N, C-alpha and C. Protein backbone atom coordinates (compact mmCIF):
# COMPACT_ATOMS: atom_id res chain seq x y z
N UNK A 1 10.26 11.31 -0.27
CA UNK A 1 9.53 10.56 0.74
C UNK A 1 8.07 10.44 0.33
N UNK A 2 7.51 9.28 0.51
CA UNK A 2 6.15 8.99 0.06
C UNK A 2 5.10 9.24 1.13
N UNK A 3 5.48 9.49 2.37
CA UNK A 3 4.53 9.61 3.47
C UNK A 3 3.44 10.65 3.23
N UNK A 4 3.75 11.87 2.79
CA UNK A 4 2.67 12.85 2.56
C UNK A 4 1.68 12.39 1.48
N UNK A 5 2.19 11.79 0.41
CA UNK A 5 1.31 11.30 -0.65
C UNK A 5 0.44 10.16 -0.14
N UNK A 6 1.02 9.29 0.68
CA UNK A 6 0.28 8.17 1.27
C UNK A 6 -0.86 8.69 2.14
N UNK A 7 -0.56 9.68 2.98
CA UNK A 7 -1.58 10.25 3.88
C UNK A 7 -2.70 10.92 3.08
N UNK A 8 -2.34 11.64 2.04
CA UNK A 8 -3.34 12.30 1.19
C UNK A 8 -4.22 11.27 0.50
N UNK A 9 -3.61 10.23 -0.05
CA UNK A 9 -4.38 9.18 -0.72
C UNK A 9 -5.29 8.46 0.27
N UNK A 10 -4.79 8.19 1.47
CA UNK A 10 -5.59 7.51 2.49
C UNK A 10 -6.83 8.34 2.82
N UNK A 11 -6.65 9.65 2.96
CA UNK A 11 -7.79 10.53 3.27
C UNK A 11 -8.82 10.52 2.15
N UNK A 12 -8.35 10.45 0.91
CA UNK A 12 -9.27 10.45 -0.23
C UNK A 12 -10.01 9.13 -0.38
N UNK A 13 -9.36 8.03 -0.05
CA UNK A 13 -9.96 6.71 -0.25
C UNK A 13 -10.87 6.27 0.90
N UNK A 14 -10.67 6.82 2.10
CA UNK A 14 -11.52 6.46 3.24
C UNK A 14 -12.96 6.89 2.97
N UNK A 15 -13.98 6.25 3.45
CA UNK A 15 -13.96 5.07 4.30
C UNK A 15 -14.02 3.76 3.53
N UNK A 16 -14.14 3.81 2.22
CA UNK A 16 -14.30 2.58 1.45
C UNK A 16 -13.06 1.73 1.37
N UNK A 17 -11.90 2.36 1.47
CA UNK A 17 -10.61 1.66 1.38
C UNK A 17 -9.76 2.10 2.55
N UNK A 18 -9.10 1.18 3.19
CA UNK A 18 -8.21 1.50 4.30
C UNK A 18 -6.78 1.27 3.85
N UNK A 19 -5.94 2.30 3.94
CA UNK A 19 -4.51 2.15 3.68
C UNK A 19 -3.81 1.96 5.02
N UNK A 20 -2.86 1.06 5.04
CA UNK A 20 -2.11 0.78 6.26
C UNK A 20 -0.63 0.69 5.94
N UNK A 21 0.20 1.03 6.92
CA UNK A 21 1.64 0.95 6.77
C UNK A 21 2.17 -0.22 7.59
N UNK A 22 3.26 -0.81 7.11
CA UNK A 22 3.93 -1.87 7.84
C UNK A 22 5.40 -1.50 7.97
N UNK A 23 5.90 -1.48 9.18
CA UNK A 23 7.33 -1.26 9.42
C UNK A 23 8.00 -2.61 9.28
N UNK A 24 8.63 -2.85 8.12
CA UNK A 24 9.20 -4.16 7.84
C UNK A 24 10.47 -4.44 8.65
N UNK A 25 11.06 -3.41 9.22
CA UNK A 25 12.20 -3.66 10.11
C UNK A 25 11.71 -4.19 11.46
N UNK A 26 10.61 -3.64 11.94
CA UNK A 26 10.05 -4.09 13.22
C UNK A 26 9.26 -5.38 13.07
N UNK A 27 8.67 -5.60 11.91
CA UNK A 27 7.81 -6.77 11.65
C UNK A 27 8.39 -7.58 10.50
N UNK A 28 9.59 -8.09 10.68
CA UNK A 28 10.29 -8.80 9.62
C UNK A 28 9.56 -10.06 9.16
N UNK A 29 8.91 -10.75 10.06
CA UNK A 29 8.20 -11.98 9.69
C UNK A 29 7.05 -11.68 8.72
N UNK A 30 6.34 -10.60 8.97
CA UNK A 30 5.24 -10.23 8.07
C UNK A 30 5.80 -9.80 6.72
N UNK A 31 6.87 -9.02 6.73
CA UNK A 31 7.52 -8.64 5.47
C UNK A 31 7.94 -9.85 4.67
N UNK A 32 8.49 -10.84 5.34
CA UNK A 32 8.91 -12.08 4.67
C UNK A 32 7.70 -12.87 4.17
N UNK A 33 6.65 -12.91 4.98
CA UNK A 33 5.44 -13.65 4.60
C UNK A 33 4.87 -13.14 3.28
N UNK A 34 4.95 -11.83 3.07
CA UNK A 34 4.41 -11.22 1.85
C UNK A 34 5.49 -10.91 0.82
N UNK A 35 6.69 -11.45 1.03
CA UNK A 35 7.80 -11.30 0.09
C UNK A 35 8.05 -9.84 -0.30
N UNK A 36 8.05 -8.96 0.69
CA UNK A 36 8.32 -7.55 0.44
C UNK A 36 9.83 -7.40 0.32
N UNK A 37 10.28 -7.03 -0.87
CA UNK A 37 11.71 -6.94 -1.16
C UNK A 37 12.19 -5.51 -1.34
N UNK A 38 11.27 -4.60 -1.65
CA UNK A 38 11.67 -3.20 -1.83
C UNK A 38 10.71 -2.30 -1.06
N UNK A 39 11.24 -1.16 -0.64
CA UNK A 39 10.47 -0.21 0.13
C UNK A 39 10.42 1.09 -0.65
N UNK A 40 9.29 1.66 -0.91
CA UNK A 40 7.96 1.18 -0.53
C UNK A 40 7.42 0.14 -1.51
N UNK A 41 6.52 -0.67 -1.02
CA UNK A 41 5.74 -1.60 -1.84
C UNK A 41 4.28 -1.46 -1.43
N UNK A 42 3.43 -1.23 -2.40
CA UNK A 42 1.98 -1.15 -2.14
C UNK A 42 1.37 -2.49 -2.54
N UNK A 43 0.49 -3.02 -1.68
CA UNK A 43 -0.21 -4.27 -1.96
C UNK A 43 -1.69 -4.04 -1.70
N UNK A 44 -2.52 -4.47 -2.64
CA UNK A 44 -3.97 -4.39 -2.47
C UNK A 44 -4.46 -5.76 -2.04
N UNK A 45 -5.21 -5.79 -0.93
CA UNK A 45 -5.82 -7.01 -0.42
C UNK A 45 -7.34 -6.85 -0.43
N UNK A 46 -8.01 -7.94 -0.71
CA UNK A 46 -9.46 -7.99 -0.55
C UNK A 46 -9.79 -9.36 -0.01
N UNK A 47 -10.51 -9.38 1.11
CA UNK A 47 -10.87 -10.65 1.73
C UNK A 47 -9.66 -11.46 2.13
N UNK A 48 -8.55 -10.79 2.47
CA UNK A 48 -7.35 -11.48 2.89
C UNK A 48 -6.48 -12.00 1.76
N UNK A 49 -6.90 -11.77 0.52
CA UNK A 49 -6.14 -12.24 -0.64
C UNK A 49 -5.46 -11.06 -1.33
N UNK A 50 -4.23 -11.27 -1.76
CA UNK A 50 -3.51 -10.24 -2.50
C UNK A 50 -4.06 -10.15 -3.92
N UNK A 51 -4.43 -8.93 -4.32
CA UNK A 51 -4.95 -8.71 -5.66
C UNK A 51 -3.92 -8.07 -6.59
N UNK A 52 -3.07 -7.20 -6.05
CA UNK A 52 -2.09 -6.49 -6.87
C UNK A 52 -0.95 -6.00 -6.00
N UNK A 53 0.19 -5.74 -6.65
CA UNK A 53 1.39 -5.30 -5.95
C UNK A 53 2.11 -4.29 -6.84
N UNK A 54 2.63 -3.23 -6.20
CA UNK A 54 3.36 -2.19 -6.93
C UNK A 54 4.53 -1.71 -6.09
N UNK A 55 5.76 -2.04 -6.48
CA UNK A 55 6.92 -1.50 -5.75
C UNK A 55 7.25 -0.09 -6.25
N UNK A 56 7.85 0.71 -5.39
CA UNK A 56 8.30 2.04 -5.77
C UNK A 56 7.36 3.13 -5.30
N UNK A 57 7.93 4.33 -5.17
CA UNK A 57 7.17 5.48 -4.70
C UNK A 57 6.18 5.97 -5.75
N UNK A 58 5.05 6.48 -5.28
CA UNK A 58 4.02 7.05 -6.15
C UNK A 58 3.49 8.31 -5.50
N UNK A 59 2.96 9.20 -6.32
CA UNK A 59 2.28 10.37 -5.80
C UNK A 59 0.87 10.02 -5.37
N UNK A 60 0.21 10.94 -4.68
CA UNK A 60 -1.13 10.68 -4.14
C UNK A 60 -2.12 10.29 -5.23
N UNK A 61 -2.15 11.05 -6.33
CA UNK A 61 -3.09 10.76 -7.41
C UNK A 61 -2.82 9.38 -8.01
N UNK A 62 -1.55 9.02 -8.14
CA UNK A 62 -1.20 7.71 -8.68
C UNK A 62 -1.61 6.58 -7.74
N UNK A 63 -1.44 6.78 -6.45
CA UNK A 63 -1.87 5.78 -5.47
C UNK A 63 -3.37 5.57 -5.56
N UNK A 64 -4.12 6.66 -5.55
CA UNK A 64 -5.59 6.56 -5.62
C UNK A 64 -6.02 5.86 -6.90
N UNK A 65 -5.45 6.25 -8.02
CA UNK A 65 -5.80 5.64 -9.30
C UNK A 65 -5.45 4.15 -9.31
N UNK A 66 -4.26 3.82 -8.83
CA UNK A 66 -3.82 2.43 -8.83
C UNK A 66 -4.73 1.58 -7.93
N UNK A 67 -5.02 2.05 -6.73
CA UNK A 67 -5.88 1.29 -5.82
C UNK A 67 -7.27 1.11 -6.44
N UNK A 68 -7.84 2.17 -6.96
CA UNK A 68 -9.19 2.08 -7.54
C UNK A 68 -9.24 1.14 -8.74
N UNK A 69 -8.14 1.02 -9.46
CA UNK A 69 -8.13 0.13 -10.63
C UNK A 69 -8.11 -1.35 -10.22
N UNK A 70 -7.85 -1.62 -8.95
CA UNK A 70 -7.75 -3.01 -8.49
C UNK A 70 -8.82 -3.42 -7.49
N UNK A 71 -9.74 -2.52 -7.19
CA UNK A 71 -10.79 -2.91 -6.24
C UNK A 71 -12.13 -3.05 -6.92
């Protein structure tokens, strides 16, 4: 499960970066809008534009490194 790694990465990246979760079962239209096909999928947005996408689970250090490489 990726939740603990996600929470740890979110704490490390705040306040400069905000990580958010989307329940694609509850919000199917949003999942479709962003073509989310696998869970988990991480997407980096800046100014409302998608900059990068990474499907699959990652550890906290990998999440932080990946996000920082795209901002």
